[in-house]
PDB file of N, CA and C in Angstrom:
ATOM      1  N   MET A   1     -27.287   6.439  95.852  1.00  0.00           N
ATOM      2  CA  MET A   1     -28.515   6.518  95.119  1.00  0.00           C
ATOM      3  C   MET A   1     -28.962   5.102  94.774  1.00  0.00           C
ATOM      4  N   LYS A   2     -30.170   4.781  95.099  1.00  0.00           N
ATOM      5  CA  LYS A   2     -30.698   3.439  94.869  1.00  0.00           C
ATOM      6  C   LYS A   2     -31.298   3.342  93.469  1.00  0.00           C
ATOM      7  N   THR A   3     -31.017   2.238  92.794  1.00  0.00           N
ATOM      8  CA  THR A   3     -31.575   1.999  91.472  1.00  0.00           C
ATOM      9  C   THR A   3     -32.890   1.253  91.628  1.00  0.00           C
ATOM     10  N   THR A   4     -33.927   1.742  90.928  1.00  0.00           N
ATOM     11  CA  THR A   4     -35.208   1.060  90.934  1.00  0.00           C
ATOM     12  C   THR A   4     -35.624   0.801  89.495  1.00  0.00           C
ATOM     13  N   VAL A   5     -36.436  -0.218  89.315  1.00  0.00           N
ATOM     14  CA  VAL A   5     -36.933  -0.569  87.987  1.00  0.00           C
ATOM     15  C   VAL A   5     -38.448  -0.407  88.000  1.00  0.00           C
ATOM     16  N   GLU A   6     -38.932   0.299  87.002  1.00  0.00           N
ATOM     17  CA  GLU A   6     -40.364   0.561  86.892  1.00  0.00           C
ATOM     18  C   GLU A   6     -40.865  -0.081  85.608  1.00  0.00           C
ATOM     19  N   THR A   7     -42.013  -0.776  85.677  1.00  0.00           N
ATOM     20  CA  THR A   7     -42.595  -1.385  84.480  1.00  0.00           C
ATOM     21  C   THR A   7     -43.561  -0.386  83.856  1.00  0.00           C
ATOM     22  N   MET A   8     -43.347  -0.105  82.575  1.00  0.00           N
ATOM     23  CA  MET A   8     -44.187   0.853  81.862  1.00  0.00           C
ATOM     24  C   MET A   8     -45.444   0.152  81.351  1.00  0.00           C
ATOM     25  N   ASP A   9     -46.414   0.932  80.843  1.00  0.00           N
ATOM     26  CA  ASP A   9     -47.686   0.382  80.358  1.00  0.00           C
ATOM     27  C   ASP A   9     -47.492  -0.639  79.238  1.00  0.00           C
ATOM     28  N   ASN A  10     -46.453  -0.444  78.412  1.00  0.00           N
ATOM     29  CA  ASN A  10     -46.214  -1.361  77.289  1.00  0.00           C
ATOM     30  C   ASN A  10     -45.428  -2.606  77.716  1.00  0.00           C
ATOM     31  N   GLY A  11     -45.150  -2.747  78.997  1.00  0.00           N
ATOM     32  CA  GLY A  11     -44.453  -3.925  79.504  1.00  0.00           C
ATOM     33  C   GLY A  11     -42.940  -3.783  79.569  1.00  0.00           C
ATOM     34  N   GLN A  12     -42.402  -2.731  78.975  1.00  0.00           N
ATOM     35  CA  GLN A  12     -40.954  -2.518  79.022  1.00  0.00           C
ATOM     36  C   GLN A  12     -40.556  -2.005  80.397  1.00  0.00           C
ATOM     37  N   LYS A  13     -39.332  -2.314  80.760  1.00  0.00           N
ATOM     38  CA  LYS A  13     -38.832  -1.879  82.067  1.00  0.00           C
ATOM     39  C   LYS A  13     -37.992  -0.624  81.885  1.00  0.00           C
ATOM     40  N   LYS A  14     -38.109   0.281  82.832  1.00  0.00           N
ATOM     41  CA  LYS A  14     -37.391   1.549  82.802  1.00  0.00           C
ATOM     42  C   LYS A  14     -36.599   1.672  84.097  1.00  0.00           C
ATOM     43  N   VAL A  15     -35.311   1.971  83.977  1.00  0.00           N
ATOM     44  CA  VAL A  15     -34.458   2.117  85.152  1.00  0.00           C
ATOM     45  C   VAL A  15     -34.560   3.556  85.645  1.00  0.00           C
ATOM     46  N   ILE A  16     -34.833   3.679  86.928  1.00  0.00           N
ATOM     47  CA  ILE A  16     -34.941   4.984  87.568  1.00  0.00           C
ATOM     48  C   ILE A  16     -33.742   5.162  88.498  1.00  0.00           C
ATOM     49  N   ASN A  17     -33.129   6.314  88.463  1.00  0.00           N
ATOM     50  CA  ASN A  17     -31.986   6.639  89.327  1.00  0.00           C
ATOM     51  C   ASN A  17     -30.839   5.634  89.194  1.00  0.00           C
ATOM     52  N   PRO A  18     -30.319   5.441  87.983  1.00  0.00           N
ATOM     53  CA  PRO A  18     -29.196   4.499  87.839  1.00  0.00           C
ATOM     54  C   PRO A  18     -27.947   5.044  88.535  1.00  0.00           C
ATOM     55  N   CYS A  19     -27.076   4.141  88.900  1.00  0.00           N
ATOM     56  CA  CYS A  19     -25.823   4.534  89.535  1.00  0.00           C
ATOM     57  C   CYS A  19     -24.983   5.338  88.548  1.00  0.00           C
ATOM     58  N   ALA A  20     -24.383   6.380  89.031  1.00  0.00           N
ATOM     59  CA  ALA A  20     -23.532   7.204  88.177  1.00  0.00           C
ATOM     60  C   ALA A  20     -22.220   6.478  87.870  1.00  0.00           C
ATOM     61  N   GLU A  21     -21.806   5.601  88.755  1.00  0.00           N
ATOM     62  CA  GLU A  21     -20.553   4.859  88.584  1.00  0.00           C
ATOM     63  C   GLU A  21     -20.844   3.378  88.759  1.00  0.00           C
ATOM     64  N   PRO A  22     -19.947   2.523  88.250  1.00  0.00           N
ATOM     65  CA  PRO A  22     -20.141   1.083  88.446  1.00  0.00           C
ATOM     66  C   PRO A  22     -20.123   0.723  89.932  1.00  0.00           C
ATOM     67  N   CYS A  23     -20.881  -0.298  90.297  1.00  0.00           N
ATOM     68  CA  CYS A  23     -20.889  -0.755  91.688  1.00  0.00           C
ATOM     69  C   CYS A  23     -19.536  -1.380  92.026  1.00  0.00           C
ATOM     70  N   LEU A  24     -19.321  -1.625  93.284  1.00  0.00           N
ATOM     71  CA  LEU A  24     -18.031  -2.150  93.746  1.00  0.00           C
ATOM     72  C   LEU A  24     -17.706  -3.512  93.146  1.00  0.00           C
ATOM     73  N   VAL A  25     -18.723  -4.367  92.978  1.00  0.00           N
ATOM     74  CA  VAL A  25     -18.474  -5.689  92.384  1.00  0.00           C
ATOM     75  C   VAL A  25     -17.990  -5.511  90.944  1.00  0.00           C
ATOM     76  N   GLU A  26     -18.646  -4.644  90.199  1.00  0.00           N
ATOM     77  CA  GLU A  26     -18.243  -4.390  88.815  1.00  0.00           C
ATOM     78  C   GLU A  26     -16.828  -3.819  88.757  1.00  0.00           C
ATOM     79  N   ARG A  27     -16.505  -2.925  89.662  1.00  0.00           N
ATOM     80  CA  ARG A  27     -15.155  -2.351  89.678  1.00  0.00           C
ATOM     81  C   ARG A  27     -14.110  -3.424  89.980  1.00  0.00           C
ATOM     82  N   GLY A  28     -14.434  -4.316  90.912  1.00  0.00           N
ATOM     83  CA  GLY A  28     -13.517  -5.412  91.217  1.00  0.00           C
ATOM     84  C   GLY A  28     -13.350  -6.355  90.037  1.00  0.00           C
ATOM     85  N   MET A  29     -14.450  -6.639  89.345  1.00  0.00           N
ATOM     86  CA  MET A  29     -14.388  -7.531  88.188  1.00  0.00           C
ATOM     87  C   MET A  29     -13.587  -6.910  87.048  1.00  0.00           C
ATOM     88  N   ARG A  30     -13.597  -5.613  86.946  1.00  0.00           N
ATOM     89  CA  ARG A  30     -12.794  -4.952  85.910  1.00  0.00           C
ATOM     90  C   ARG A  30     -11.305  -5.174  86.153  1.00  0.00           C
ATOM     91  N   VAL A  31     -10.924  -5.301  87.400  1.00  0.00           N
ATOM     92  CA  VAL A  31      -9.515  -5.543  87.726  1.00  0.00           C
ATOM     93  C   VAL A  31      -9.162  -7.017  87.580  1.00  0.00           C
ATOM     94  N   LEU A  32      -9.965  -7.903  88.142  1.00  0.00           N
ATOM     95  CA  LEU A  32      -9.639  -9.331  88.178  1.00  0.00           C
ATOM     96  C   LEU A  32     -10.318 -10.158  87.097  1.00  0.00           C
ATOM     97  N   GLY A  33     -11.341  -9.612  86.451  1.00  0.00           N
ATOM     98  CA  GLY A  33     -12.176 -10.404  85.577  1.00  0.00           C
ATOM     99  C   GLY A  33     -11.687 -10.589  84.156  1.00  0.00           C
ATOM    100  N   GLY A  34     -10.655  -9.900  83.752  1.00  0.00           N
ATOM    101  CA  GLY A  34     -10.154 -10.077  82.397  1.00  0.00           C
ATOM    102  C   GLY A  34      -9.631 -11.489  82.192  1.00  0.00           C
ATOM    103  N   LYS A  35      -9.783 -11.993  80.988  1.00  0.00           N
ATOM    104  CA  LYS A  35      -9.345 -13.363  80.711  1.00  0.00           C
ATOM    105  C   LYS A  35      -7.866 -13.520  81.050  1.00  0.00           C
ATOM    106  N   TRP A  36      -7.546 -14.525  81.839  1.00  0.00           N
ATOM    107  CA  TRP A  36      -6.217 -14.939  82.270  1.00  0.00           C
ATOM    108  C   TRP A  36      -5.668 -14.128  83.441  1.00  0.00           C
ATOM    109  N   LYS A  37      -6.256 -13.013  83.798  1.00  0.00           N
ATOM    110  CA  LYS A  37      -5.692 -12.190  84.871  1.00  0.00           C
ATOM    111  C   LYS A  37      -5.637 -12.940  86.197  1.00  0.00           C
ATOM    112  N   ALA A  38      -6.743 -13.523  86.598  1.00  0.00           N
ATOM    113  CA  ALA A  38      -6.779 -14.240  87.872  1.00  0.00           C
ATOM    114  C   ALA A  38      -5.809 -15.415  87.862  1.00  0.00           C
ATOM    115  N   SER A  39      -5.729 -16.121  86.738  1.00  0.00           N
ATOM    116  CA  SER A  39      -4.813 -17.262  86.632  1.00  0.00           C
ATOM    117  C   SER A  39      -3.363 -16.815  86.746  1.00  0.00           C
ATOM    118  N   ILE A  40      -3.047 -15.685  86.153  1.00  0.00           N
ATOM    119  CA  ILE A  40      -1.681 -15.159  86.240  1.00  0.00           C
ATOM    120  C   ILE A  40      -1.341 -14.862  87.693  1.00  0.00           C
ATOM    121  N   LEU A  41      -2.226 -14.164  88.391  1.00  0.00           N
ATOM    122  CA  LEU A  41      -1.971 -13.864  89.804  1.00  0.00           C
ATOM    123  C   LEU A  41      -1.809 -15.146  90.612  1.00  0.00           C
ATOM    124  N   TRP A  42      -2.647 -16.129  90.318  1.00  0.00           N
ATOM    125  CA  TRP A  42      -2.591 -17.400  91.041  1.00  0.00           C
ATOM    126  C   TRP A  42      -1.233 -18.077  90.857  1.00  0.00           C
ATOM    127  N   HIS A  43      -0.712 -18.059  89.633  1.00  0.00           N
ATOM    128  CA  HIS A  43       0.567 -18.711  89.356  1.00  0.00           C
ATOM    129  C   HIS A  43       1.761 -17.939  89.915  1.00  0.00           C
ATOM    130  N   LEU A  44       1.578 -16.686  90.238  1.00  0.00           N
ATOM    131  CA  LEU A  44       2.673 -15.881  90.781  1.00  0.00           C
ATOM    132  C   LEU A  44       2.726 -15.888  92.305  1.00  0.00           C
ATOM    133  N   GLN A  45       1.773 -16.541  92.939  1.00  0.00           N
ATOM    134  CA  GLN A  45       1.695 -16.462  94.399  1.00  0.00           C
ATOM    135  C   GLN A  45       2.887 -17.075  95.132  1.00  0.00           C
ATOM    136  N   ASP A  46       3.581 -18.036  94.519  1.00  0.00           N
ATOM    137  CA  ASP A  46       4.699 -18.698  95.202  1.00  0.00           C
ATOM    138  C   ASP A  46       6.051 -18.070  94.906  1.00  0.00           C
ATOM    139  N   GLY A  47       6.063 -17.033  94.096  1.00  0.00           N
ATOM    140  CA  GLY A  47       7.325 -16.360  93.793  1.00  0.00           C
ATOM    141  C   GLY A  47       7.388 -15.946  92.333  1.00  0.00           C
ATOM    142  N   PRO A  48       8.444 -15.201  91.981  1.00  0.00           N
ATOM    143  CA  PRO A  48       8.590 -14.718  90.605  1.00  0.00           C
ATOM    144  C   PRO A  48       8.632 -15.859  89.595  1.00  0.00           C
ATOM    145  N   VAL A  49       8.066 -15.594  88.417  1.00  0.00           N
ATOM    146  CA  VAL A  49       8.038 -16.582  87.345  1.00  0.00           C
ATOM    147  C   VAL A  49       8.482 -15.889  86.061  1.00  0.00           C
ATOM    148  N   ARG A  50       9.341 -16.565  85.313  1.00  0.00           N
ATOM    149  CA  ARG A  50       9.782 -16.025  84.025  1.00  0.00           C
ATOM    150  C   ARG A  50       8.634 -16.074  83.031  1.00  0.00           C
ATOM    151  N   PHE A  51       8.663 -15.144  82.083  1.00  0.00           N
ATOM    152  CA  PHE A  51       7.575 -14.992  81.130  1.00  0.00           C
ATOM    153  C   PHE A  51       7.236 -16.292  80.411  1.00  0.00           C
ATOM    154  N   ASN A  52       8.229 -16.952  79.825  1.00  0.00           N
ATOM    155  CA  ASN A  52       7.960 -18.179  79.058  1.00  0.00           C
ATOM    156  C   ASN A  52       7.386 -19.290  79.943  1.00  0.00           C
ATOM    157  N   ASP A  53       7.867 -19.384  81.165  1.00  0.00           N
ATOM    158  CA  ASP A  53       7.332 -20.386  82.091  1.00  0.00           C
ATOM    159  C   ASP A  53       5.866 -20.078  82.433  1.00  0.00           C
ATOM    160  N   LEU A  54       5.576 -18.813  82.628  1.00  0.00           N
ATOM    161  CA  LEU A  54       4.206 -18.410  82.930  1.00  0.00           C
ATOM    162  C   LEU A  54       3.286 -18.705  81.746  1.00  0.00           C
ATOM    163  N   ALA A  55       3.745 -18.411  80.545  1.00  0.00           N
ATOM    164  CA  ALA A  55       2.950 -18.696  79.347  1.00  0.00           C
ATOM    165  C   ALA A  55       2.666 -20.196  79.237  1.00  0.00           C
ATOM    166  N   ARG A  56       3.637 -21.030  79.566  1.00  0.00           N
ATOM    167  CA  ARG A  56       3.426 -22.488  79.535  1.00  0.00           C
ATOM    168  C   ARG A  56       2.430 -22.924  80.606  1.00  0.00           C
ATOM    169  N   MET A  57       2.510 -22.306  81.790  1.00  0.00           N
ATOM    170  CA  MET A  57       1.585 -22.650  82.874  1.00  0.00           C
ATOM    171  C   MET A  57       0.141 -22.368  82.492  1.00  0.00           C
ATOM    172  N   LEU A  58      -0.067 -21.339  81.691  1.00  0.00           N
ATOM    173  CA  LEU A  58      -1.425 -20.938  81.317  1.00  0.00           C
ATOM    174  C   LEU A  58      -1.989 -21.793  80.195  1.00  0.00           C
ATOM    175  N   GLY A  59      -1.146 -22.523  79.503  1.00  0.00           N
ATOM    176  CA  GLY A  59      -1.622 -23.475  78.509  1.00  0.00           C
ATOM    177  C   GLY A  59      -2.285 -22.863  77.297  1.00  0.00           C
ATOM    178  N   GLY A  60      -3.557 -22.529  77.383  1.00  0.00           N
ATOM    179  CA  GLY A  60      -4.312 -22.084  76.223  1.00  0.00           C
ATOM    180  C   GLY A  60      -4.119 -20.633  75.824  1.00  0.00           C
ATOM    181  N   ALA A  61      -3.354 -19.880  76.564  1.00  0.00           N
ATOM    182  CA  ALA A  61      -3.165 -18.464  76.258  1.00  0.00           C
ATOM    183  C   ALA A  61      -1.983 -18.272  75.314  1.00  0.00           C
ATOM    184  N   SER A  62      -2.175 -17.418  74.323  1.00  0.00           N
ATOM    185  CA  SER A  62      -1.057 -17.095  73.438  1.00  0.00           C
ATOM    186  C   SER A  62      -0.083 -16.183  74.181  1.00  0.00           C
ATOM    187  N   LYS A  63       1.160 -16.144  73.710  1.00  0.00           N
ATOM    188  CA  LYS A  63       2.152 -15.278  74.346  1.00  0.00           C
ATOM    189  C   LYS A  63       1.734 -13.816  74.242  1.00  0.00           C
ATOM    190  N   LYS A  64       1.095 -13.461  73.138  1.00  0.00           N
ATOM    191  CA  LYS A  64       0.614 -12.088  72.967  1.00  0.00           C
ATOM    192  C   LYS A  64      -0.431 -11.755  74.032  1.00  0.00           C
ATOM    193  N   MET A  65      -1.342 -12.689  74.279  1.00  0.00           N
ATOM    194  CA  MET A  65      -2.384 -12.481  75.288  1.00  0.00           C
ATOM    195  C   MET A  65      -1.777 -12.377  76.682  1.00  0.00           C
ATOM    196  N   VAL A  66      -0.822 -13.259  76.985  1.00  0.00           N
ATOM    197  CA  VAL A  66      -0.154 -13.222  78.288  1.00  0.00           C
ATOM    198  C   VAL A  66       0.549 -11.883  78.461  1.00  0.00           C
ATOM    199  N   ASP A  67       1.233 -11.426  77.422  1.00  0.00           N
ATOM    200  CA  ASP A  67       1.933 -10.142  77.475  1.00  0.00           C
ATOM    201  C   ASP A  67       0.952  -8.997  77.733  1.00  0.00           C
ATOM    202  N   GLN A  68      -0.182  -8.996  77.046  1.00  0.00           N
ATOM    203  CA  GLN A  68      -1.190  -7.938  77.228  1.00  0.00           C
ATOM    204  C   GLN A  68      -1.739  -7.937  78.652  1.00  0.00           C
ATOM    205  N   ARG A  69      -2.061  -9.115  79.158  1.00  0.00           N
ATOM    206  CA  ARG A  69      -2.625  -9.188  80.514  1.00  0.00           C
ATOM    207  C   ARG A  69      -1.599  -8.784  81.566  1.00  0.00           C
ATOM    208  N   LEU A  70      -0.339  -9.182  81.357  1.00  0.00           N
ATOM    209  CA  LEU A  70       0.710  -8.788  82.299  1.00  0.00           C
ATOM    210  C   LEU A  70       0.899  -7.274  82.305  1.00  0.00           C
ATOM    211  N   LYS A  71       0.820  -6.652  81.146  1.00  0.00           N
ATOM    212  CA  LYS A  71       0.927  -5.191  81.079  1.00  0.00           C
ATOM    213  C   LYS A  71      -0.227  -4.527  81.822  1.00  0.00           C
ATOM    214  N   GLU A  72      -1.433  -5.072  81.681  1.00  0.00           N
ATOM    215  CA  GLU A  72      -2.589  -4.541  82.400  1.00  0.00           C
ATOM    216  C   GLU A  72      -2.415  -4.698  83.908  1.00  0.00           C
ATOM    217  N   LEU A  73      -1.998  -5.889  84.320  1.00  0.00           N
ATOM    218  CA  LEU A  73      -1.794  -6.145  85.749  1.00  0.00           C
ATOM    219  C   LEU A  73      -0.685  -5.256  86.317  1.00  0.00           C
ATOM    220  N   GLU A  74       0.355  -5.034  85.532  1.00  0.00           N
ATOM    221  CA  GLU A  74       1.447  -4.164  85.972  1.00  0.00           C
ATOM    222  C   GLU A  74       0.946  -2.727  86.104  1.00  0.00           C
ATOM    223  N   ALA A  75       0.171  -2.254  85.142  1.00  0.00           N
ATOM    224  CA  ALA A  75      -0.378  -0.891  85.183  1.00  0.00           C
ATOM    225  C   ALA A  75      -1.311  -0.705  86.378  1.00  0.00           C
ATOM    226  N   GLN A  76      -1.996  -1.784  86.779  1.00  0.00           N
ATOM    227  CA  GLN A  76      -2.914  -1.729  87.914  1.00  0.00           C
ATOM    228  C   GLN A  76      -2.186  -1.916  89.249  1.00  0.00           C
ATOM    229  N   GLY A  77      -0.887  -2.187  89.201  1.00  0.00           N
ATOM    230  CA  GLY A  77      -0.110  -2.341  90.418  1.00  0.00           C
ATOM    231  C   GLY A  77      -0.211  -3.701  91.061  1.00  0.00           C
ATOM    232  N   LEU A  78      -0.676  -4.703  90.308  1.00  0.00           N
ATOM    233  CA  LEU A  78      -0.838  -6.044  90.861  1.00  0.00           C
ATOM    234  C   LEU A  78       0.397  -6.923  90.673  1.00  0.00           C
ATOM    235  N   VAL A  79       1.205  -6.635  89.658  1.00  0.00           N
ATOM    236  CA  VAL A  79       2.445  -7.383  89.423  1.00  0.00           C
ATOM    237  C   VAL A  79       3.576  -6.405  89.091  1.00  0.00           C
ATOM    238  N   THR A  80       4.791  -6.886  89.271  1.00  0.00           N
ATOM    239  CA  THR A  80       5.968  -6.117  88.869  1.00  0.00           C
ATOM    240  C   THR A  80       6.761  -6.919  87.852  1.00  0.00           C
ATOM    241  N   ARG A  81       7.449  -6.204  86.995  1.00  0.00           N
ATOM    242  CA  ARG A  81       8.264  -6.806  85.930  1.00  0.00           C
ATOM    243  C   ARG A  81       9.727  -6.552  86.264  1.00  0.00           C
ATOM    244  N   HIS A  82      10.534  -7.602  86.150  1.00  0.00           N
ATOM    245  CA  HIS A  82      11.968  -7.489  86.424  1.00  0.00           C
ATOM    246  C   HIS A  82      12.733  -8.031  85.219  1.00  0.00           C
ATOM    247  N   VAL A  83      13.605  -7.197  84.650  1.00  0.00           N
ATOM    248  CA  VAL A  83      14.430  -7.627  83.516  1.00  0.00           C
ATOM    249  C   VAL A  83      15.619  -8.405  84.071  1.00  0.00           C
ATOM    250  N   ILE A  84      15.726  -9.659  83.656  1.00  0.00           N
ATOM    251  CA  ILE A  84      16.813 -10.525  84.103  1.00  0.00           C
ATOM    252  C   ILE A  84      18.028 -10.351  83.196  1.00  0.00           C
ATOM    253  N   ASN A  85      17.766 -10.271  81.896  1.00  0.00           N
ATOM    254  CA  ASN A  85      18.841 -10.193  80.910  1.00  0.00           C
ATOM    255  C   ASN A  85      18.350  -9.381  79.712  1.00  0.00           C
ATOM    256  N   ASP A  86      19.252  -8.559  79.141  1.00  0.00           N
ATOM    257  CA  ASP A  86      18.881  -7.753  77.974  1.00  0.00           C
ATOM    258  C   ASP A  86      19.005  -8.524  76.672  1.00  0.00           C
ATOM    259  N   ARG A  87      20.049  -9.363  76.561  1.00  0.00           N
ATOM    260  CA  ARG A  87      20.266 -10.111  75.315  1.00  0.00           C
ATOM    261  C   ARG A  87      20.605 -11.546  75.631  1.00  0.00           C
ATOM    262  N   PRO A  88      19.812 -12.480  75.278  1.00  0.00           N
ATOM    263  CA  PRO A  88      18.439 -12.300  74.818  1.00  0.00           C
ATOM    264  C   PRO A  88      17.569 -11.810  75.970  1.00  0.00           C
ATOM    265  N   ILE A  89      16.506 -11.111  75.630  1.00  0.00           N
ATOM    266  CA  ILE A  89      15.647 -10.542  76.657  1.00  0.00           C
ATOM    267  C   ILE A  89      15.029 -11.653  77.507  1.00  0.00           C
ATOM    268  N   ALA A  90      15.115 -11.476  78.786  1.00  0.00           N
ATOM    269  CA  ALA A  90      14.518 -12.421  79.736  1.00  0.00           C
ATOM    270  C   ALA A  90      13.943 -11.597  80.880  1.00  0.00           C
ATOM    271  N   VAL A  91      12.673 -11.803  81.164  1.00  0.00           N
ATOM    272  CA  VAL A  91      12.014 -11.073  82.244  1.00  0.00           C
ATOM    273  C   VAL A  91      11.270 -12.042  83.145  1.00  0.00           C
ATOM    274  N   SER A  92      11.073 -11.605  84.383  1.00  0.00           N
ATOM    275  CA  SER A  92      10.245 -12.371  85.304  1.00  0.00           C
ATOM    276  C   SER A  92       9.209 -11.421  85.890  1.00  0.00           C
ATOM    277  N   TYR A  93       8.155 -12.011  86.388  1.00  0.00           N
ATOM    278  CA  TYR A  93       7.069 -11.238  86.983  1.00  0.00           C
ATOM    279  C   TYR A  93       6.831 -11.738  88.391  1.00  0.00           C
ATOM    280  N   ALA A  94       6.485 -10.805  89.266  1.00  0.00           N
ATOM    281  CA  ALA A  94       6.193 -11.144  90.656  1.00  0.00           C
ATOM    282  C   ALA A  94       4.915 -10.428  91.071  1.00  0.00           C
ATOM    283  N   ILE A  95       4.206 -11.038  91.977  1.00  0.00           N
ATOM    284  CA  ILE A  95       2.984 -10.432  92.496  1.00  0.00           C
ATOM    285  C   ILE A  95       3.370  -9.383  93.537  1.00  0.00           C
ATOM    286  N   THR A  96       2.664  -8.263  93.552  1.00  0.00           N
ATOM    287  CA  THR A  96       2.921  -7.206  94.527  1.00  0.00           C
ATOM    288  C   THR A  96       2.108  -7.471  95.797  1.00  0.00           C
ATOM    289  N   ASP A  97       2.367  -6.678  96.829  1.00  0.00           N
ATOM    290  CA  ASP A  97       1.567  -6.794  98.048  1.00  0.00           C
ATOM    291  C   ASP A  97       0.097  -6.523  97.745  1.00  0.00           C
ATOM    292  N   PHE A  98      -0.160  -5.542  96.883  1.00  0.00           N
ATOM    293  CA  PHE A  98      -1.533  -5.251  96.480  1.00  0.00           C
ATOM    294  C   PHE A  98      -2.136  -6.454  95.748  1.00  0.00           C
ATOM    295  N   GLY A  99      -1.369  -7.078  94.867  1.00  0.00           N
ATOM    296  CA  GLY A  99      -1.843  -8.261  94.156  1.00  0.00           C
ATOM    297  C   GLY A  99      -2.165  -9.400  95.106  1.00  0.00           C
ATOM    298  N   ARG A 100      -1.375  -9.535  96.151  1.00  0.00           N
ATOM    299  CA  ARG A 100      -1.606 -10.596  97.141  1.00  0.00           C
ATOM    300  C   ARG A 100      -2.953 -10.443  97.844  1.00  0.00           C
ATOM    301  N   THR A 101      -3.464  -9.214  97.910  1.00  0.00           N
ATOM    302  CA  THR A 101      -4.756  -9.008  98.567  1.00  0.00           C
ATOM    303  C   THR A 101      -5.887  -9.692  97.793  1.00  0.00           C
ATOM    304  N   ALA A 102      -5.669 -10.001  96.525  1.00  0.00           N
ATOM    305  CA  ALA A 102      -6.691 -10.673  95.715  1.00  0.00           C
ATOM    306  C   ALA A 102      -6.642 -12.188  95.861  1.00  0.00           C
ATOM    307  N   LEU A 103      -5.565 -12.736  96.398  1.00  0.00           N
ATOM    308  CA  LEU A 103      -5.420 -14.188  96.467  1.00  0.00           C
ATOM    309  C   LEU A 103      -6.486 -14.853  97.330  1.00  0.00           C
ATOM    310  N   ASN A 104      -6.908 -14.203  98.408  1.00  0.00           N
ATOM    311  CA  ASN A 104      -7.954 -14.773  99.254  1.00  0.00           C
ATOM    312  C   ASN A 104      -9.254 -14.920  98.463  1.00  0.00           C
ATOM    313  N   ILE A 105      -9.569 -13.921  97.657  1.00  0.00           N
ATOM    314  CA  ILE A 105     -10.770 -13.968  96.818  1.00  0.00           C
ATOM    315  C   ILE A 105     -10.652 -15.126  95.827  1.00  0.00           C
ATOM    316  N   LEU A 106      -9.496 -15.255  95.201  1.00  0.00           N
ATOM    317  CA  LEU A 106      -9.293 -16.320  94.217  1.00  0.00           C
ATOM    318  C   LEU A 106      -9.334 -17.696  94.875  1.00  0.00           C
ATOM    319  N   ASP A 107      -8.815 -17.799  96.086  1.00  0.00           N
ATOM    320  CA  ASP A 107      -8.865 -19.063  96.812  1.00  0.00           C
ATOM    321  C   ASP A 107     -10.314 -19.436  97.126  1.00  0.00           C
ATOM    322  N   GLN A 108     -11.118 -18.468  97.531  1.00  0.00           N
ATOM    323  CA  GLN A 108     -12.532 -18.727  97.794  1.00  0.00           C
ATOM    324  C   GLN A 108     -13.260 -19.116  96.510  1.00  0.00           C
ATOM    325  N   LEU A 109     -12.929 -18.470  95.400  1.00  0.00           N
ATOM    326  CA  LEU A 109     -13.536 -18.814  94.121  1.00  0.00           C
ATOM    327  C   LEU A 109     -13.184 -20.247  93.722  1.00  0.00           C
ATOM    328  N   LYS A 110     -11.928 -20.621  93.932  1.00  0.00           N
ATOM    329  CA  LYS A 110     -11.476 -21.988  93.640  1.00  0.00           C
ATOM    330  C   LYS A 110     -12.249 -22.996  94.485  1.00  0.00           C
ATOM    331  N   ASP A 111     -12.391 -22.710  95.778  1.00  0.00           N
ATOM    332  CA  ASP A 111     -13.128 -23.603  96.675  1.00  0.00           C
ATOM    333  C   ASP A 111     -14.596 -23.705  96.274  1.00  0.00           C
ATOM    334  N   TRP A 112     -15.199 -22.584  95.907  1.00  0.00           N
ATOM    335  CA  TRP A 112     -16.600 -22.575  95.486  1.00  0.00           C
ATOM    336  C   TRP A 112     -16.787 -23.407  94.228  1.00  0.00           C
ATOM    337  N   ALA A 113     -15.889 -23.255  93.251  1.00  0.00           N
ATOM    338  CA  ALA A 113     -15.977 -24.031  92.009  1.00  0.00           C
ATOM    339  C   ALA A 113     -15.800 -25.523  92.277  1.00  0.00           C
ATOM    340  N   GLU A 114     -14.880 -25.840  93.180  1.00  0.00           N
ATOM    341  CA  GLU A 114     -14.648 -27.244  93.529  1.00  0.00           C
ATOM    342  C   GLU A 114     -15.866 -27.838  94.257  1.00  0.00           C
ATOM    343  N   GLU A 115     -16.426 -27.082  95.188  1.00  0.00           N
ATOM    344  CA  GLU A 115     -17.570 -27.554  95.961  1.00  0.00           C
ATOM    345  C   GLU A 115     -18.792 -27.812  95.090  1.00  0.00           C
ATOM    346  N   HIS A 116     -18.953 -27.025  94.054  1.00  0.00           N
ATOM    347  CA  HIS A 116     -20.128 -27.150  93.185  1.00  0.00           C
ATOM    348  C   HIS A 116     -19.820 -27.845  91.863  1.00  0.00           C
ATOM    349  N   SER A 117     -18.663 -28.439  91.759  1.00  0.00           N
ATOM    350  CA  SER A 117     -18.239 -29.184  90.562  1.00  0.00           C
ATOM    351  C   SER A 117     -18.412 -28.375  89.289  1.00  0.00           C
ATOM    352  N   ILE A 118     -17.988 -27.145  89.349  1.00  0.00           N
ATOM    353  CA  ILE A 118     -18.099 -26.254  88.189  1.00  0.00           C
ATOM    354  C   ILE A 118     -16.887 -26.419  87.300  1.00  0.00           C
TER     355      ILE A 118
END
């Protein structure tokens, strides 16, 4: 169903036939667009990383934020969590095959930002 915009007599715009579901770009952004999600995937591309090391790599993210984003990524099937030790608790995270499918997009985004000095 195609979305069209109609201008009413009072100058306001009215959307006709809106999409019942988010478009594909919006759906993709819901997966990768959360703050720190793309950076987490990027840092996991070379192999598993322990939680504290990953939190340090992200710099400005609090450990609570990193934990929340990792849980979201794990629920979406983009990363896996591996318990290394129970006491003291030590875990590492690795990117899944599904998560790796996003790396090409992130690499293109990195190149685009570099090319345009963003």
